[in-house]
Amino acid sequence: MDAAYALFLERGITATSMDAVAERASVSKMTVYSNFRDKPALLSAVFDRIIKLMHVSDLAVGPDLNSSVERLVELGKLVASAAGQPEVIRMVRLMTECADEHPRLAEAFYTAGRGELLKQITAFLKTLTRRGLLSIKDPELAAEQLVVSWLGNLMRQSLGLAGPPSADAIAKRVRYSVDTLVRAWSARPLSKSRC
C-alpha cells in the first residue's frame, strides 16, 4: 500500500498500473492481485488505511455533550489539517481529473475517504440524538455540512490561491463549526463554558 500511495502521487492514479505497484513493492504481480482484486480495491485499501491512521473510527460519544463536542472538535482539527496537506490536495486533483473516465476509481476514492468520514460522523450524531443530547432531524445532512465547514478554504488552496491554514486558523474554524451545529440542534441549553 505504501508503494501504491507513492506511485499514485508521483504518476497519478490512472497512470499507476498494478505491475508498477508490484515492481515498486518488490513483490510479484500475483502477490498484489492475491491481496487486491483490482486497482479500485487497492485504492480503497490505501485510503481506508489513511483514514484509520487518522483514528476516525475512534470517534466515540462521551459521557456528556461537552466531552462529546470536544471529541468532535479534535476530529475536525485532524481532518482539516490532513485535508490541507500538499499530497492530499495532489491526490484529490489527480482523482478529479480522471473521475469521468474512471468512475469505479472515483467511487472507491470517495467511499474510502470522505464517504467513510461522513459515515462515522453521522453515526456519532445519531448516537448524540438517541441519547437526547442533541435533536438532529437529518444527521447525514448535518455531518455533510459540518465536514464542508471544517474544510473552509480548501478550494482556494487546491487552486493554488492560498497556502495551508495555520493550526490556529483550523482550530478556530472547526470550533466555530461544531459550536454552530450544537447551538442549532441542542436538545437543552449549553453550559456557560460552551457559550
Protein backbone atom coordinates (compact mmCIF):
# COMPACT_ATOMS: atom_id res chain seq x y z
CA MET A 1 0.00 0.00 0.00
CA ASP A 2 2.93 2.34 0.64
CA ALA A 3 4.21 1.66 -2.87
CA ALA A 4 0.77 2.26 -4.37
CA TYR A 5 0.30 5.52 -2.49
CA ALA A 6 3.71 6.81 -3.54
CA LEU A 7 3.04 5.89 -7.17
CA PHE A 8 -0.45 7.42 -7.12
CA LEU A 9 1.14 10.70 -6.04
CA GLU A 10 4.06 10.51 -8.47
CA ARG A 11 2.31 9.29 -11.61
CA GLY A 12 -1.36 9.79 -10.98
CA ILE A 13 -3.99 7.22 -10.16
CA THR A 14 -4.87 6.15 -13.69
CA ALA A 15 -1.23 6.06 -14.83
CA THR A 16 -0.26 3.72 -11.98
CA SER A 17 -0.53 0.11 -13.06
CA MET A 18 -0.71 -2.91 -10.80
CA ASP A 19 2.58 -4.01 -12.43
CA ALA A 20 4.22 -0.77 -11.33
CA VAL A 21 2.94 -1.25 -7.79
CA ALA A 22 4.34 -4.78 -7.70
CA GLU A 23 7.70 -3.59 -9.00
CA ARG A 24 7.89 -0.70 -6.52
CA ALA A 25 6.93 -3.00 -3.63
CA SER A 26 9.45 -5.66 -4.78
CA VAL A 27 6.77 -8.34 -4.96
CA SER A 28 5.24 -10.31 -7.79
CA LYS A 29 2.18 -9.13 -9.67
CA MET A 30 0.44 -12.27 -8.37
CA THR A 31 1.10 -11.12 -4.80
CA VAL A 32 -0.56 -7.80 -5.50
CA TYR A 33 -3.58 -9.46 -7.13
CA SER A 34 -3.87 -12.03 -4.33
CA ASN A 35 -4.43 -9.12 -1.92
CA PHE A 36 -6.32 -6.67 -4.16
CA ARG A 37 -8.62 -7.87 -6.94
CA ASP A 38 -8.16 -4.67 -8.97
CA LYS A 39 -6.99 -1.07 -8.80
CA PRO A 40 -10.21 0.25 -7.20
CA ALA A 41 -9.77 -2.33 -4.41
CA LEU A 42 -6.16 -1.24 -3.94
CA LEU A 43 -7.14 2.43 -3.94
CA SER A 44 -9.85 1.71 -1.37
CA ALA A 45 -7.39 -0.13 0.85
CA VAL A 46 -4.86 2.70 0.64
CA PHE A 47 -7.42 5.31 1.66
CA ASP A 48 -9.01 3.07 4.25
CA ARG A 49 -5.59 2.80 5.89
CA ILE A 50 -5.10 6.58 5.77
CA ILE A 51 -8.49 7.10 7.42
CA LYS A 52 -7.64 4.53 10.11
CA LEU A 53 -4.36 6.33 10.80
CA MET A 54 -6.44 9.45 11.40
CA HIS A 55 -8.38 7.46 14.07
CA VAL A 56 -11.76 8.37 12.58
CA SER A 57 -13.11 5.02 13.76
CA ASP A 58 -12.14 6.05 17.31
CA LEU A 59 -14.85 8.74 17.29
CA ALA A 60 -16.99 7.73 20.24
CA VAL A 61 -19.64 9.66 22.08
CA GLY A 62 -18.50 10.77 25.53
CA PRO A 63 -20.46 10.57 28.77
CA ASP A 64 -21.93 14.05 28.23
CA LEU A 65 -22.42 16.64 25.50
CA ASN A 66 -19.34 18.70 26.34
CA SER A 67 -16.93 15.76 26.22
CA SER A 68 -18.56 14.55 23.00
CA VAL A 69 -18.21 18.00 21.46
CA GLU A 70 -14.52 18.06 22.37
CA ARG A 71 -14.01 14.71 20.63
CA LEU A 72 -15.72 16.06 17.54
CA VAL A 73 -13.58 19.21 17.61
CA GLU A 74 -10.40 17.13 17.85
CA LEU A 75 -11.51 15.04 14.87
CA GLY A 76 -12.35 18.18 12.91
CA LYS A 77 -8.91 19.65 13.52
CA LEU A 78 -7.30 16.39 12.43
CA VAL A 79 -9.42 16.17 9.27
CA ALA A 80 -8.92 19.82 8.29
CA SER A 81 -5.18 19.59 8.88
CA ALA A 82 -4.85 16.36 6.88
CA ALA A 83 -7.02 17.63 4.01
CA GLY A 84 -4.74 20.63 3.58
CA GLN A 85 -1.57 18.58 3.20
CA PRO A 86 0.02 19.02 -0.26
CA GLU A 87 -0.01 15.28 -1.01
CA VAL A 88 -3.71 15.01 -0.17
CA ILE A 89 -4.55 18.01 -2.34
CA ARG A 90 -2.50 16.47 -5.15
CA MET A 91 -4.32 13.15 -4.81
CA VAL A 92 -7.71 14.89 -4.93
CA ARG A 93 -6.66 16.83 -8.03
CA LEU A 94 -5.46 13.67 -9.75
CA MET A 95 -8.66 11.81 -8.93
CA THR A 96 -10.82 14.72 -10.06
CA GLU A 97 -9.02 14.83 -13.41
CA CYS A 98 -9.74 11.18 -14.16
CA ALA A 99 -13.14 10.75 -12.48
CA ASP A 100 -15.17 10.90 -15.71
CA GLU A 101 -13.05 8.25 -17.40
CA HIS A 102 -12.75 6.02 -14.34
CA PRO A 103 -15.98 6.17 -12.30
CA ARG A 104 -15.14 2.98 -10.33
CA LEU A 105 -11.86 4.52 -9.16
CA ALA A 106 -13.66 7.76 -8.29
CA GLU A 107 -16.28 5.86 -6.31
CA ALA A 108 -13.61 3.87 -4.44
CA PHE A 109 -11.70 7.07 -3.70
CA TYR A 110 -14.79 8.85 -2.34
CA THR A 111 -16.12 5.88 -0.37
CA ALA A 112 -12.82 5.17 1.37
CA GLY A 113 -12.14 8.84 2.10
CA ARG A 114 -14.90 11.33 2.64
CA GLY A 115 -17.62 8.69 2.47
CA GLU A 116 -16.14 6.81 5.43
CA LEU A 117 -15.63 10.04 7.36
CA LEU A 118 -19.25 11.08 6.81
CA LYS A 119 -20.48 7.64 7.85
CA GLN A 120 -18.55 7.88 11.14
CA ILE A 121 -19.74 11.41 11.92
CA THR A 122 -23.33 10.53 11.00
CA ALA A 123 -23.25 7.59 13.42
CA PHE A 124 -21.79 9.87 16.09
CA LEU A 125 -24.54 12.47 15.58
CA LYS A 126 -27.24 9.77 15.59
CA THR A 127 -25.93 8.49 18.92
CA LEU A 128 -25.99 12.01 20.40
CA THR A 129 -29.58 12.35 19.18
CA ARG A 130 -30.63 8.93 20.55
CA ARG A 131 -29.18 9.87 23.94
CA GLY A 132 -31.17 13.11 23.93
CA LEU A 133 -28.04 15.30 23.92
CA LEU A 134 -28.90 16.79 20.51
CA SER A 135 -32.06 16.79 18.43
CA ILE A 136 -30.81 16.46 14.85
CA LYS A 137 -33.52 15.75 12.30
CA ASP A 138 -31.15 14.71 9.47
CA PRO A 139 -27.78 13.51 10.84
CA GLU A 140 -26.42 12.71 7.38
CA LEU A 141 -27.01 16.25 6.15
CA ALA A 142 -25.67 17.71 9.40
CA ALA A 143 -22.49 15.58 9.07
CA GLU A 144 -22.01 16.73 5.48
CA GLN A 145 -22.47 20.39 6.40
CA LEU A 146 -20.05 20.02 9.31
CA VAL A 147 -17.28 18.48 7.19
CA VAL A 148 -17.71 21.10 4.46
CA SER A 149 -17.43 23.87 7.04
CA TRP A 150 -14.30 22.24 8.54
CA LEU A 151 -12.57 22.29 5.18
CA GLY A 152 -13.06 26.03 4.73
CA ASN A 153 -10.64 27.40 2.14
CA LEU A 154 -9.69 24.03 0.68
CA MET A 155 -10.91 25.05 -2.78
CA ARG A 156 -8.70 28.14 -2.75
CA GLN A 157 -5.79 26.03 -1.57
CA SER A 158 -6.32 23.34 -4.21
CA LEU A 159 -6.37 26.04 -6.91
CA GLY A 160 -3.06 27.39 -5.60
CA LEU A 161 -4.66 30.64 -4.42
CA ALA A 162 -3.88 30.06 -0.73
CA GLY A 163 -1.45 28.11 1.36
CA PRO A 164 -2.38 25.69 4.11
CA PRO A 165 -4.13 27.39 7.03
CA SER A 166 -2.33 27.67 10.36
CA ALA A 167 -3.17 25.33 13.22
CA ASP A 168 -4.84 28.28 14.98
CA ALA A 169 -6.98 29.08 11.94
CA ILE A 170 -8.01 25.43 11.65
CA ALA A 171 -8.86 25.24 15.35
CA LYS A 172 -10.93 28.44 15.16
CA ARG A 173 -12.88 27.26 12.08
CA VAL A 174 -13.52 23.79 13.49
CA ARG A 175 -14.61 25.11 16.89
CA TYR A 176 -16.96 27.62 15.26
CA SER A 177 -18.46 24.90 13.02
CA VAL A 178 -19.02 22.43 15.84
CA ASP A 179 -20.40 25.08 18.19
CA THR A 180 -22.78 26.24 15.46
CA LEU A 181 -24.02 22.68 14.94
CA VAL A 182 -24.53 22.20 18.67
CA ARG A 183 -26.38 25.52 19.06
CA ALA A 184 -28.61 24.70 16.10
CA TRP A 185 -29.53 21.22 17.31
CA SER A 186 -29.19 21.44 21.07
CA ALA A 187 -31.79 19.47 22.98
CA ARG A 188 -31.06 21.55 26.11
CA PRO A 189 -29.17 24.75 26.89
CA LEU A 190 -25.38 24.65 26.68
CA SER A 191 -23.30 25.04 29.82
CA LYS A 192 -21.87 28.50 30.43
CA SER A 193 -18.36 27.34 29.38
CA ARG A 194 -19.64 26.37 25.90
CA CYS A 195 -21.49 29.62 25.12
